[in-house]
Protein backbone atom coordinates (compact mmCIF):
# COMPACT_ATOMS: atom_id res chain seq x y z
CA MET A 1 0.00 0.00 0.00
CA LYS A 2 1.16 3.54 -0.66
CA LYS A 3 0.78 6.65 1.39
CA VAL A 4 -0.06 9.76 -0.59
CA TRP A 5 2.16 12.72 0.19
CA GLY A 6 2.52 16.35 -0.63
CA ILE A 7 1.38 18.67 -3.34
CA PHE A 8 1.88 16.10 -6.10
CA PHE A 9 -1.31 14.39 -5.05
CA GLY A 10 -2.62 17.14 -2.84
CA LEU A 11 -4.45 19.08 -5.55
CA LEU A 12 -5.42 16.38 -7.98
CA LEU A 13 -9.02 15.62 -7.53
CA SER A 14 -11.22 18.59 -8.25
CA VAL A 15 -13.38 20.03 -11.01
CA LEU A 16 -13.59 23.73 -10.27
CA GLY A 17 -14.74 26.25 -12.84
CA LEU A 18 -12.03 28.62 -11.68
CA LEU A 19 -9.56 26.87 -13.94
CA LEU A 20 -11.36 27.95 -17.08
CA PHE A 21 -9.76 31.39 -17.02
CA CYS A 22 -6.54 30.19 -18.66
CA ASN A 23 -5.66 32.00 -21.87
CA PRO A 24 -5.24 29.39 -24.63
CA LEU A 25 -3.03 31.77 -26.60
CA LEU A 26 -0.69 32.55 -23.71
CA ALA A 27 2.81 32.97 -25.05
CA ALA A 28 5.78 31.54 -23.23
CA ASP A 29 9.53 31.58 -23.71
CA ASP A 30 11.38 28.56 -25.02
CA LEU A 31 12.48 27.55 -21.53
CA VAL A 32 8.90 27.21 -20.25
CA LEU A 33 7.78 25.45 -23.43
CA ASP A 34 10.61 22.98 -23.01
CA GLU A 35 9.72 22.48 -19.34
CA ILE A 36 6.11 21.73 -20.19
CA LYS A 37 7.10 19.37 -22.98
CA VAL A 38 9.39 17.40 -20.65
CA LEU A 39 6.70 17.23 -17.95
CA ILE A 40 4.13 15.96 -20.44
CA GLU A 41 6.48 13.39 -21.94
CA THR A 42 7.56 12.22 -18.48
CA HIS A 43 4.40 12.32 -16.39
CA TYR A 44 1.30 12.42 -18.60
CA VAL A 45 -0.94 9.40 -18.05
CA ASP A 46 -0.60 8.27 -21.68
CA GLU A 47 2.69 8.04 -23.52
CA LEU A 48 2.89 10.75 -26.17
CA ASP A 49 5.36 11.84 -28.82
CA LEU A 50 4.95 15.60 -29.02
CA ASP A 51 6.22 17.51 -32.02
CA ARG A 52 6.67 21.10 -30.83
CA SER A 53 8.59 22.38 -33.83
CA ASN A 54 5.63 24.55 -34.91
CA ILE A 55 4.24 25.29 -31.44
CA ASN A 56 4.96 28.70 -29.95
CA PHE A 57 2.15 29.00 -27.40
CA VAL A 58 1.45 27.12 -24.20
CA GLY A 59 -2.20 26.73 -25.10
CA ASP A 60 -1.34 25.08 -28.41
CA LEU A 61 1.03 22.67 -26.69
CA ILE A 62 -1.55 21.64 -24.08
CA ALA A 63 -4.26 21.43 -26.74
CA GLU A 64 -2.29 18.56 -28.26
CA LEU A 65 -3.37 16.49 -25.25
CA ARG A 66 -7.11 16.92 -25.95
CA ASP A 67 -7.56 16.76 -22.18
CA PRO A 68 -9.87 19.33 -20.51
CA HIS A 69 -8.29 18.72 -17.10
CA SER A 70 -4.68 19.49 -18.09
CA GLN A 71 -4.18 23.26 -17.94
CA TYR A 72 -1.68 26.06 -17.58
CA LEU A 73 -2.26 28.13 -14.43
CA SER A 74 -0.91 31.56 -13.72
CA ALA A 75 0.34 32.16 -10.19
CA GLU A 76 -2.85 34.11 -9.46
CA GLU A 77 -5.09 31.33 -10.79
CA MET A 78 -3.17 28.80 -8.71
CA GLU A 79 -3.74 30.89 -5.60
CA GLU A 80 -7.46 31.10 -6.38
CA PHE A 81 -7.60 27.35 -6.98
CA ILE A 82 -6.10 26.56 -3.58
CA ALA A 83 -8.38 29.08 -1.89
CA SER A 84 -11.45 27.53 -3.52
CA ILE A 85 -10.57 24.06 -2.24
CA GLU A 86 -9.97 25.40 1.25
CA GLY A 87 -13.14 27.51 1.21
CA LEU A 88 -11.30 30.83 1.51
CA TYR A 89 -12.63 34.06 0.06
CA ALA A 90 -12.82 37.75 0.87
CA GLY A 91 -16.37 38.86 1.55
CA ILE A 92 -18.96 39.53 4.24
CA GLY A 93 -19.91 35.95 5.19
CA VAL A 94 -23.46 35.43 3.92
CA TYR A 95 -25.03 32.47 2.15
CA ILE A 96 -27.42 33.26 -0.68
CA ASN A 97 -29.41 30.28 -1.90
CA GLY A 98 -30.63 31.60 -5.22
CA ASN A 99 -33.92 32.90 -3.84
CA LEU A 100 -33.88 35.99 -6.05
CA LEU A 101 -36.81 38.23 -5.19
CA THR A 102 -38.22 41.22 -7.03
CA GLU A 103 -36.39 43.65 -4.76
CA GLY A 104 -33.14 41.76 -4.21
CA VAL A 105 -31.66 38.51 -2.88
CA GLU A 106 -32.59 36.67 0.32
CA ILE A 107 -29.91 35.68 2.83
CA SER A 108 -30.20 31.96 3.58
CA GLY A 109 -27.48 31.73 6.23
CA LEU A 110 -24.54 33.40 7.94
CA ILE A 111 -20.99 32.26 8.63
CA PRO A 112 -20.25 32.50 12.37
CA ASN A 113 -18.21 35.56 13.43
CA SER A 114 -18.33 36.99 9.91
CA PRO A 115 -18.73 40.74 9.25
CA ALA A 116 -22.39 40.19 8.35
CA GLU A 117 -23.18 38.33 11.57
CA GLN A 118 -21.30 40.86 13.69
CA ALA A 119 -23.27 43.68 12.02
CA GLY A 120 -26.57 42.08 13.06
CA ILE A 121 -27.70 40.78 9.68
CA LYS A 122 -30.09 37.84 10.03
CA THR A 123 -31.17 34.86 7.97
CA GLY A 124 -34.20 35.88 5.91
CA ASP A 125 -33.05 39.48 5.45
CA ILE A 126 -33.09 40.73 1.86
CA ILE A 127 -30.15 42.62 0.36
CA VAL A 128 -31.73 45.29 -1.81
CA ARG A 129 -28.75 47.42 -2.87
CA VAL A 130 -24.97 47.15 -2.76
CA ASP A 131 -22.96 50.39 -2.98
CA HIS A 132 -26.15 52.21 -4.08
CA LYS A 133 -26.72 49.77 -6.96
CA SER A 134 -29.97 47.82 -7.10
CA LEU A 135 -29.80 44.01 -7.24
CA GLU A 136 -33.13 43.84 -9.03
CA GLY A 137 -32.98 41.55 -12.06
CA LEU A 138 -29.46 40.24 -11.39
CA ASP A 139 -28.71 36.52 -11.41
CA LEU A 140 -27.01 34.69 -8.55
CA ASP A 141 -23.51 34.77 -10.08
CA ALA A 142 -23.71 38.52 -10.61
CA VAL A 143 -24.79 39.09 -7.00
CA GLN A 144 -21.96 36.91 -5.70
CA GLN A 145 -19.37 38.86 -7.69
CA ILE A 146 -20.71 42.15 -6.31
CA LEU A 147 -20.44 40.91 -2.72
CA LEU A 148 -16.87 39.67 -3.18
CA GLY A 149 -13.87 41.99 -3.13
CA PRO A 150 -10.42 42.52 -1.64
CA ALA A 151 -10.02 41.91 2.07
CA GLY A 152 -10.21 45.23 3.89
CA SER A 153 -12.38 46.94 1.29
CA LYS A 154 -15.65 48.60 2.33
CA ILE A 155 -19.11 47.65 1.09
CA GLU A 156 -22.40 49.45 1.74
CA LEU A 157 -25.57 47.37 1.94
CA GLU A 158 -29.21 48.33 1.97
CA VAL A 159 -31.05 45.53 3.76
CA LYS A 160 -34.78 44.91 4.08
CA ARG A 161 -36.23 43.12 7.11
CA GLY A 162 -39.99 42.88 7.09
CA LYS A 163 -41.17 46.33 6.04
CA GLU A 164 -38.11 48.14 7.36
CA HIS A 165 -35.04 49.17 5.33
CA TYR A 166 -31.68 49.97 6.89
CA LYS A 167 -28.15 50.63 5.64
CA LEU A 168 -24.86 49.14 6.81
CA ILE A 169 -21.23 49.67 5.91
CA LEU A 170 -19.16 46.49 6.31
CA GLU A 171 -15.51 45.69 5.79
CA ARG A 172 -14.80 42.59 3.74
CA GLN A 173 -12.66 40.05 5.55
CA LEU A 174 -10.93 36.84 4.59
CA ILE A 175 -13.61 34.23 5.30
CA GLN A 176 -12.99 30.56 6.00
CA VAL A 177 -16.12 28.76 4.86
CA PRO A 178 -16.61 25.56 6.89
CA GLN A 179 -16.10 22.63 4.52
CA VAL A 180 -17.48 20.03 6.93
CA SER A 181 -20.52 20.36 9.17
CA CYS A 182 -22.61 17.97 11.28
CA THR A 183 -26.26 18.36 12.26
CA GLN A 184 -28.13 15.95 14.50
CA LEU A 185 -31.53 14.90 13.16
CA ASP A 186 -34.34 12.75 14.53
CA PHE A 187 -34.09 8.97 15.02
CA ASN A 188 -30.48 9.08 16.32
CA THR A 189 -29.33 10.19 12.88
CA VAL A 190 -26.63 12.72 12.04
CA TYR A 191 -26.27 14.65 8.79
CA ILE A 192 -22.67 15.27 7.62
CA ASP A 193 -22.25 17.83 4.85
CA ILE A 194 -18.85 17.73 3.09
CA ASP A 195 -18.61 20.69 0.71
CA SER A 196 -15.00 20.03 -0.26
CA PHE A 197 -12.18 17.70 0.77
CA SER A 198 -10.05 20.50 2.18
CA GLU A 199 -6.66 19.83 3.69
CA THR A 200 -8.11 19.89 7.22
CA ALA A 201 -11.44 18.19 6.44
CA TYR A 202 -10.53 14.93 8.19
CA GLN A 203 -9.21 16.67 11.32
CA ASP A 204 -12.26 18.95 11.37
CA LEU A 205 -14.66 16.01 11.06
CA LEU A 206 -13.24 13.73 13.77
CA PRO A 207 -14.29 15.71 16.88
CA LYS A 208 -17.73 16.32 15.38
CA ILE A 209 -18.25 12.58 14.81
CA ASP A 210 -16.96 11.76 18.28
CA ALA A 211 -19.38 14.25 19.87
CA CYS A 212 -22.29 12.79 17.90
CA ARG A 213 -21.46 9.24 18.96
CA GLN A 214 -21.42 10.31 22.59
CA GLU A 215 -24.96 11.64 22.02
CA GLY A 216 -26.06 8.16 20.93
CA VAL A 217 -26.08 8.67 17.16
CA ASP A 218 -26.09 5.36 15.30
CA LYS A 219 -27.17 6.31 11.76
CA TRP A 220 -25.37 8.61 9.33
CA ILE A 221 -26.24 10.66 6.26
CA ILE A 222 -23.22 11.91 4.28
CA ASP A 223 -23.92 14.63 1.72
CA LEU A 224 -21.48 14.74 -1.21
CA ARG A 225 -23.84 16.59 -3.55
CA GLY A 226 -22.12 19.45 -5.34
CA ASN A 227 -18.74 18.50 -3.85
CA PRO A 228 -16.16 19.10 -6.63
CA GLY A 229 -13.35 17.20 -4.92
CA GLY A 230 -10.21 18.38 -3.16
CA TYR A 231 -7.23 16.72 -1.51
CA ILE A 232 -6.94 12.98 -2.04
CA ASN A 233 -5.50 12.43 1.45
CA ALA A 234 -8.65 13.91 2.98
CA ALA A 235 -10.86 11.65 0.84
CA LEU A 236 -8.81 8.58 1.76
CA ASP A 237 -8.87 9.27 5.49
CA ILE A 238 -12.55 10.22 5.70
CA SER A 239 -13.41 7.09 3.70
CA GLY A 240 -11.36 5.10 6.20
CA ILE A 241 -13.78 6.11 8.97
CA PHE A 242 -16.32 3.88 7.23
CA VAL A 243 -14.26 1.23 5.40
CA GLY A 244 -11.39 0.88 7.87
CA SER A 245 -8.15 -0.42 6.38
CA GLU A 246 -9.78 -1.61 3.16
CA ILE A 247 -8.69 -0.31 -0.24
CA VAL A 248 -10.22 3.11 -0.98
CA THR A 249 -9.10 3.61 -4.58
CA VAL A 250 -6.91 2.14 -7.31
CA LEU A 251 -4.63 4.55 -9.19
CA GLU A 252 -3.36 3.69 -12.65
CA GLU A 253 -0.34 5.69 -13.78
CA ARG A 254 1.48 5.27 -17.07
CA GLU A 255 3.65 2.40 -15.85
CA ASP A 256 2.25 1.52 -12.46
CA ILE A 257 -0.99 0.50 -10.75
CA SER A 258 -1.21 1.29 -7.02
CA LYS A 259 -3.82 0.63 -4.35
CA TYR A 260 -4.46 3.27 -1.71
CA GLN A 261 -6.06 3.11 1.71
CA ALA A 262 -6.65 5.49 4.59
CA GLN A 263 -3.54 6.37 6.55
CA GLN A 264 -5.19 7.73 9.68
CA LEU A 265 -7.41 5.09 11.22
CA GLY A 266 -9.01 6.62 14.28
CA ILE A 267 -12.77 6.43 14.68
CA GLN A 268 -14.44 3.46 12.99
CA ILE A 269 -18.14 3.47 12.09
CA SER A 270 -20.09 0.35 11.11
CA ASP A 271 -23.57 1.86 11.59
CA PRO A 272 -26.06 2.28 8.71
CA VAL A 273 -24.90 4.99 6.28
CA ILE A 274 -26.61 6.72 3.36
CA VAL A 275 -24.47 8.80 0.98
CA LEU A 276 -26.20 11.53 -1.05
CA ILE A 277 -24.71 12.06 -4.52
CA ASP A 278 -25.60 14.02 -7.64
CA GLU A 279 -24.23 14.93 -11.06
CA ASN A 280 -21.94 17.53 -9.44
CA SER A 281 -20.25 15.10 -7.04
CA ALA A 282 -16.83 14.77 -8.65
CA SER A 283 -13.28 13.50 -8.29
CA ALA A 284 -12.47 12.93 -4.60
CA SER A 285 -16.21 12.71 -3.90
CA GLU A 286 -16.44 9.86 -6.39
CA ILE A 287 -13.52 8.09 -4.73
CA MET A 288 -15.35 8.11 -1.39
CA ALA A 289 -18.74 7.18 -2.87
CA ALA A 290 -17.25 4.28 -4.84
CA ALA A 291 -15.31 3.01 -1.81
CA LEU A 292 -18.37 2.89 0.44
CA LYS A 293 -20.41 1.27 -2.32
CA ASP A 294 -17.87 -1.43 -3.21
CA HIS A 295 -17.32 -2.37 0.44
CA HIS A 296 -21.08 -2.31 1.22
CA GLN A 297 -20.53 0.26 3.96
CA GLY A 298 -22.99 2.81 2.61
CA VAL A 299 -26.03 3.09 0.37
CA LEU A 300 -25.76 5.67 -2.42
CA LEU A 301 -28.91 7.74 -2.89
CA GLY A 302 -29.43 10.30 -5.65
CA GLN A 303 -28.08 10.65 -9.18
CA THR A 304 -25.04 9.29 -11.05
CA THR A 305 -21.94 11.33 -10.23
CA TYR A 306 -19.94 13.61 -12.54
CA GLY A 307 -17.56 10.98 -13.90
CA LYS A 308 -14.14 12.57 -13.47
CA GLY A 309 -11.94 9.55 -12.94
CA THR A 310 -8.60 11.17 -13.71
CA ALA A 311 -6.05 12.60 -11.31
CA GLN A 312 -3.93 15.68 -11.88
CA ALA A 313 -0.59 16.74 -10.45
CA ILE A 314 0.51 20.35 -10.05
CA PHE A 315 4.02 21.19 -11.31
CA PRO A 316 5.69 24.58 -10.61
CA LEU A 317 7.34 26.25 -13.61
CA SER A 318 10.44 28.41 -13.69
CA ASN A 319 8.44 31.58 -14.46
CA GLY A 320 6.33 31.24 -11.30
CA ASP A 321 3.31 29.74 -13.01
CA TYR A 322 2.07 26.14 -12.82
CA LEU A 323 1.11 23.19 -15.00
CA LYS A 324 -1.85 21.05 -13.96
CA LEU A 325 -1.37 17.74 -15.73
CA THR A 326 -3.34 14.49 -15.80
CA THR A 327 -0.99 11.83 -14.45
CA ALA A 328 -3.31 8.95 -13.56
CA ARG A 329 -6.75 7.41 -13.79
CA PHE A 330 -8.50 6.15 -10.70
CA TYR A 331 -10.92 3.28 -10.24
CA SER A 332 -13.18 1.96 -7.52
CA PRO A 333 -11.69 -0.59 -5.08
CA LEU A 334 -13.19 -3.41 -7.18
CA GLY A 335 -11.73 -1.95 -10.35
CA PHE A 336 -14.82 -0.27 -11.81
CA SER A 337 -14.12 2.67 -14.09
CA ILE A 338 -15.30 6.12 -12.99
CA ASN A 339 -14.02 8.38 -15.77
CA GLY A 340 -16.80 9.31 -18.15
CA THR A 341 -19.33 7.05 -16.43
CA GLY A 342 -19.48 8.23 -12.83
CA VAL A 343 -20.63 6.25 -9.81
CA GLU A 344 -24.21 5.03 -10.00
CA PRO A 345 -26.53 5.27 -6.99
CA ASP A 346 -27.95 2.17 -5.33
CA LEU A 347 -31.32 3.91 -5.27
CA PRO A 348 -31.79 6.55 -8.00
CA LEU A 349 -33.81 9.45 -6.66
CA GLN A 350 -34.59 13.04 -7.58
CA SER A 351 -36.36 14.36 -4.54
CA SER A 352 -37.48 17.76 -3.39
CA ASP A 353 -35.83 16.95 -0.05
CA MET A 354 -33.08 14.34 -0.28
CA ILE A 355 -32.19 14.69 3.39
CA LYS A 356 -35.76 13.88 4.46
CA ALA A 357 -35.76 10.91 2.07
CA ALA A 358 -32.57 9.54 3.63
CA GLU A 359 -33.86 10.21 7.13
CA LEU A 360 -37.05 8.27 6.38
CA LEU A 361 -35.13 5.31 4.94
CA LEU A 362 -32.99 5.17 8.09
CA SER A 363 -35.87 5.57 10.54
CA ASP A 364 -36.55 2.78 13.00
CA PRO A 365 -39.74 0.77 12.38
CA PRO A 366 -42.03 -0.06 15.31
CA ASP A 367 -41.34 -3.14 17.42
CA GLY A 368 -41.83 -6.25 15.34
CA GLY A 369 -42.14 -4.19 12.16
CA ALA A 370 -45.93 -3.87 12.37
CA GLY A 371 -47.22 -1.39 9.82
CA SER A 372 -43.94 -1.14 7.92
CA PHE A 373 -42.74 -1.41 4.34
CA GLU A 374 -39.67 -3.35 3.27
CA LEU A 375 -37.84 -1.97 0.23
CA LEU A 376 -34.99 -3.52 -1.74
CA ALA A 377 -32.59 -1.45 -3.83
CA ASP A 378 -29.47 -2.97 -5.41
CA GLY A 379 -29.18 -5.58 -2.66
CA HIS A 380 -29.82 -3.15 0.20
CA GLU A 381 -32.83 -3.52 2.47
CA PHE A 382 -34.75 -0.65 4.04
CA VAL A 383 -37.60 -0.95 6.53
CA VAL A 384 -39.83 2.13 6.71
CA ASP A 385 -42.47 2.87 9.34
CA LEU A 386 -45.60 3.61 7.31
CA ALA A 387 -47.12 5.81 10.02
CA LEU A 388 -44.05 8.03 9.74
CA ALA A 389 -44.16 7.98 5.93
CA ARG A 390 -47.77 9.20 6.09
CA SER A 391 -46.86 12.17 8.30
CA SER A 392 -46.78 15.62 6.72
CA ASN A 393 -42.97 15.86 6.94
CA TYR A 394 -42.37 12.71 4.89
CA TRP A 395 -45.47 12.22 2.72
CA GLY A 396 -43.94 13.82 -0.37
CA VAL A 397 -40.55 12.11 -0.25
CA TRP A 398 -42.22 8.74 0.42
CA GLY A 399 -44.11 9.11 -2.84
CA GLU A 400 -40.92 10.11 -4.66
CA ILE A 401 -39.05 7.08 -3.29
CA ASN A 402 -41.76 4.67 -4.43
CA SER A 403 -41.94 6.23 -7.88
CA GLU A 404 -38.25 5.32 -8.41
CA LEU A 405 -38.34 1.73 -7.11
CA GLU A 406 -37.42 -1.00 -9.60
CA LEU A 407 -38.48 -3.85 -7.30
CA LEU A 408 -41.90 -4.20 -5.69
CA PRO A 409 -41.99 -3.33 -1.98
CA ALA A 410 -43.41 -5.63 0.69
CA TYR A 411 -45.75 -4.76 3.55
CA LYS A 412 -46.27 -6.15 7.04
CA ALA A 413 -49.52 -5.26 8.81
CA GLN A 414 -48.96 -7.13 12.08
CA ALA A 415 -45.75 -7.94 13.94
CA GLU A 416 -46.43 -11.68 13.81
CA GLU A 417 -46.90 -11.67 10.03
CA ASP A 418 -44.34 -12.03 7.27
CA TYR A 419 -43.80 -9.31 4.70
CA SER A 420 -46.03 -9.69 1.62
CA LEU A 421 -45.11 -8.23 -1.74
CA LEU A 422 -47.48 -5.73 -3.28
CA ASN A 423 -48.59 -7.05 -6.63
CA PRO A 424 -47.97 -4.94 -9.77
CA GLN A 425 -51.57 -3.78 -9.91
CA GLN A 426 -51.47 -2.64 -6.30
CA PHE A 427 -48.20 -0.83 -6.83
CA LYS A 428 -49.58 1.14 -9.79
CA ASN A 429 -52.17 2.50 -7.39
CA LYS A 430 -50.40 5.31 -5.54
CA ALA A 431 -52.85 5.04 -2.64
CA SER A 432 -51.39 1.60 -1.89
CA TRP A 433 -48.08 3.22 -1.01
CA TYR A 434 -49.80 4.94 1.90
CA TYR A 435 -52.79 2.70 2.68
CA PRO A 436 -51.81 -0.72 1.31
CA GLN A 437 -54.79 -2.60 2.76
CA ALA A 438 -57.50 0.02 2.34
CA GLN A 439 -60.67 -1.10 0.61
CA ASP A 440 -61.81 0.96 -2.37
CA LEU A 441 -64.94 3.06 -1.83
CA GLY A 442 -64.98 4.34 -5.41
CA ARG A 443 -64.32 7.67 -7.03
CA LEU A 444 -65.98 11.08 -7.28
CA ASP A 445 -64.97 13.02 -10.40
CA ASN A 446 -65.41 16.70 -11.18
CA TYR A 447 -65.95 17.74 -7.60
CA GLN A 448 -66.70 21.44 -7.25
CA ASN A 449 -65.78 23.44 -4.18
CA SER A 450 -68.58 24.44 -1.79
CA ARG A 451 -70.33 21.08 -2.22
CA GLU A 452 -70.72 18.58 0.61
CA LEU A 453 -69.12 15.18 0.48
CA ILE A 454 -71.69 12.53 1.36
CA LEU A 455 -70.76 9.09 2.64
CA TYR A 456 -73.12 6.19 3.41
CA ILE A 457 -71.98 3.57 5.89
CA SER A 458 -73.60 0.30 6.82
CA PRO A 459 -74.18 -0.71 9.50
CA ALA A 460 -74.61 2.74 11.00
CA ARG A 461 -72.02 3.75 13.59
CA ASP A 462 -70.94 7.00 15.16
CA LEU A 463 -68.04 8.65 13.38
CA GLY A 464 -66.06 11.77 14.08
CA ASN A 465 -63.05 13.59 12.82
CA GLN A 466 -60.82 11.05 14.56
CA GLN A 467 -61.91 8.31 12.16
CA LEU A 468 -62.07 10.40 8.99
CA GLU A 469 -59.35 12.12 7.01
CA VAL A 470 -59.35 14.02 3.74
CA ARG A 471 -55.84 14.37 2.33
CA HIS A 472 -54.39 15.91 -0.80
CA ALA A 473 -52.85 12.94 -2.65
CA ALA A 474 -49.74 14.78 -3.85
CA SER A 475 -48.76 16.68 -0.72
CA GLY A 476 -50.52 14.79 2.06
CA ALA A 477 -51.97 18.06 3.38
CA GLN A 478 -55.03 17.37 5.54
CA LEU A 479 -58.23 19.20 4.73
CA PRO A 480 -60.09 20.67 7.73
CA PHE A 481 -63.78 19.81 7.69
CA ARG A 482 -66.94 19.43 9.78
CA VAL A 483 -68.86 16.17 10.09
CA LEU A 484 -72.65 15.99 10.28
CA GLN A 485 -74.06 12.50 10.85
CA GLU A 486 -77.63 11.31 10.43
CA GLY A 487 -77.70 7.56 11.01
CA ASN A 488 -75.71 5.97 8.24
CA LEU A 489 -75.52 9.24 6.26
CA ILE A 490 -72.31 11.20 6.80
CA ARG A 491 -72.04 14.77 5.53
CA ILE A 492 -68.50 16.14 5.25
CA GLN A 493 -68.28 19.91 4.86
CA PRO A 494 -64.80 21.22 3.87
CA GLU A 495 -63.77 24.31 5.83
CA GLU A 496 -61.40 25.58 3.16
CA GLU A 497 -61.22 25.48 -0.61
CA MET A 498 -59.82 22.27 -2.07
CA LEU A 499 -56.96 22.56 -4.55
CA PRO A 500 -57.20 21.10 -8.06
CA GLY A 501 -56.14 17.47 -8.26
CA GLU A 502 -56.88 14.28 -6.37
CA TYR A 503 -57.89 14.00 -2.72
CA TRP A 504 -58.38 10.86 -0.68
CA LEU A 505 -61.17 10.46 1.83
CA ILE A 506 -60.03 7.85 4.35
CA LEU A 507 -62.35 6.11 6.78
CA LYS A 508 -59.96 4.75 9.38
CA GLY A 509 -60.48 1.54 11.26
CA LYS A 510 -58.12 -1.29 12.01
CA GLU A 511 -55.63 -1.80 9.19
CA ARG A 512 -57.88 -4.14 7.20
CA ASP A 513 -60.98 -2.10 8.04
CA THR A 514 -59.73 1.07 6.38
CA TYR A 515 -61.64 2.44 3.40
CA LEU A 516 -60.53 4.99 0.82
CA ALA A 517 -62.45 7.05 -1.72
CA ARG A 518 -60.91 9.24 -4.41
CA ILE A 519 -62.12 12.77 -5.10
CA GLU A 520 -60.99 14.57 -8.25
CA VAL A 521 -61.26 18.33 -7.84
CA GLN A 522 -61.83 20.40 -10.97
CA GLN A 523 -59.29 22.95 -12.14
């Protein structure tokens, strides 16, 4: 096994847009051209025979590689690249989540001890103007560029809170954006967000994990969505928390194939883990995702990753600039290719709330599994408490999960029973995902608001709001209503207007004595 040292591997595994600023026509003297040629011929992942007799520009020389990840970096671009991996920038310390309003941009969060927090700015405030210029109509990138600037420079903000406007003058400071954070959720679950594999990511994560374990956490959600990569050592060591001393990645250089594992084996976790991935999880993120998948130490939830399975080394040049050069390809521990294909999820999912979806899949079912669903995805088993899935917090994501399943789920009504597969016809009926044993009461089409819903029951029995529900099928929102009963005639009077789409009227009894009627509300 090899240990990965120094800058040669330290800055390999990232896909950051910052590197697109290189000038393809940048001229260089013969010495630098010769340096670059030697580096390419010596270290490039594929053996090449470069003919530079007619090449007078760095961009032309690198273009011969036909490799988008090999680039010439000025000293300034190199500095920006390192800062981006480490989460360093000069600004005021606000998060803006893209919620662009008519009058400006909403602040979605604050970095602790930042100029913005110290000035009293709060989450939910709206930045209306910057240096007397309106933000109206600007996109997110434009707003970000306006807020950034040299450390020590002044910036004047006009901020709206409620109906009040106030002005502030702040001084931009060098901000260290936390690259790793942990948040404790329900059901003894912790959410770990890794924005980048910074040089200190592993050391930053360890005390957070240790504190969570002392609180009794035994389930983990790791979010690698949007993570462009970073330092390979950080990816190796964080992966080692979950795979121990197993192989994390396989690196194929021009004349050598090497297997790499974590070098710092401290905390070891064998609890259930879900890893969130998307099309912007790249490089070092893909190394970690593939390692947990191959070793069956985590379930991947989301979308196929970016597919950058090449590694770059950074070489200093005599003129103070740098060459970023592809020197290797990396593979999953079992040898699966990542470059151009990415890492596929165990359970594909595009959800409005991926964290809630993961939390639901990791939730503990009731004792004996009564009233729970069993799902299978790529060999992984999940047991979901249906009562929880039907709650307002999880209704939507439960529907999204079921819509992506390739294998039929199974349901257990009583603890002493075995799980029984839903048949294909049942599964096509969305109501079965929420009320798998409900008996069909029929359907009411073209319902118009202001009309009563009338239900006949036989034999007659007293009902109340506790035994009746009317829920919007898509969102699970419960409709408030009044009940008027005359023998076996039940009149249900909605207390608010029903939205277009399908509603379900549920008459609740014991699991097998539940009835469901569909109501289609007109547009």
